[in-house]
């Protein structure tokens, strides 16, 4: 039985609609129990067990004194967003799939954005054999870098340093030419 919004009918007696009213209550309890602790539970009744949200086509357009949390598609993946009051700017608050940034010969960088907006970038770069290199590296997610750390994979007299930071792009420089040098990179920014 499905919920009947037209029950009871004003022209029927309650005795004639008793089964239909009871069916409505059963249906309401069944539907409410999805993602909720049932009304009939001894404790915590009516509370959420988890929240499921359908992907939206766009931002909801909030009014004053309200905030919306919703999902929408980003590159074929469903992501969680928040929109501030009065249809203000939106913020993506989930991004669990790392984004690839670089291709050979330098390596690959990945990035993930946390709910707070802090972005972590990590990866491995290979500075080619016999090259003293200054390379422009762009992070997978555009942000202002706060901290970048390079750790050579093997012991070396070489130094690798950040020589310039401009927004989401940084330049790295290797001090001497020599064998290929593998460097692990970690960066934090917002």
Foldseek 3Di string as FASTA:
>chain_A
DAADPCPPPPVDDCVVCVVNVVVNVVNVQVVQVVQFAGCPDPPRHSHGNDDDADADDDDDQAAPPDKDWHWHDDPNDIFIKIADHRRHDIDTAFDPDWFWFDDPDFWTKTWTAHNVRKMKIKTKTKDAAQDFDKDKGFTRDWAFWDDKDKDWPDDDPKDKDWDDGDTRITIITIDGHHHIIMIIMMIMGD
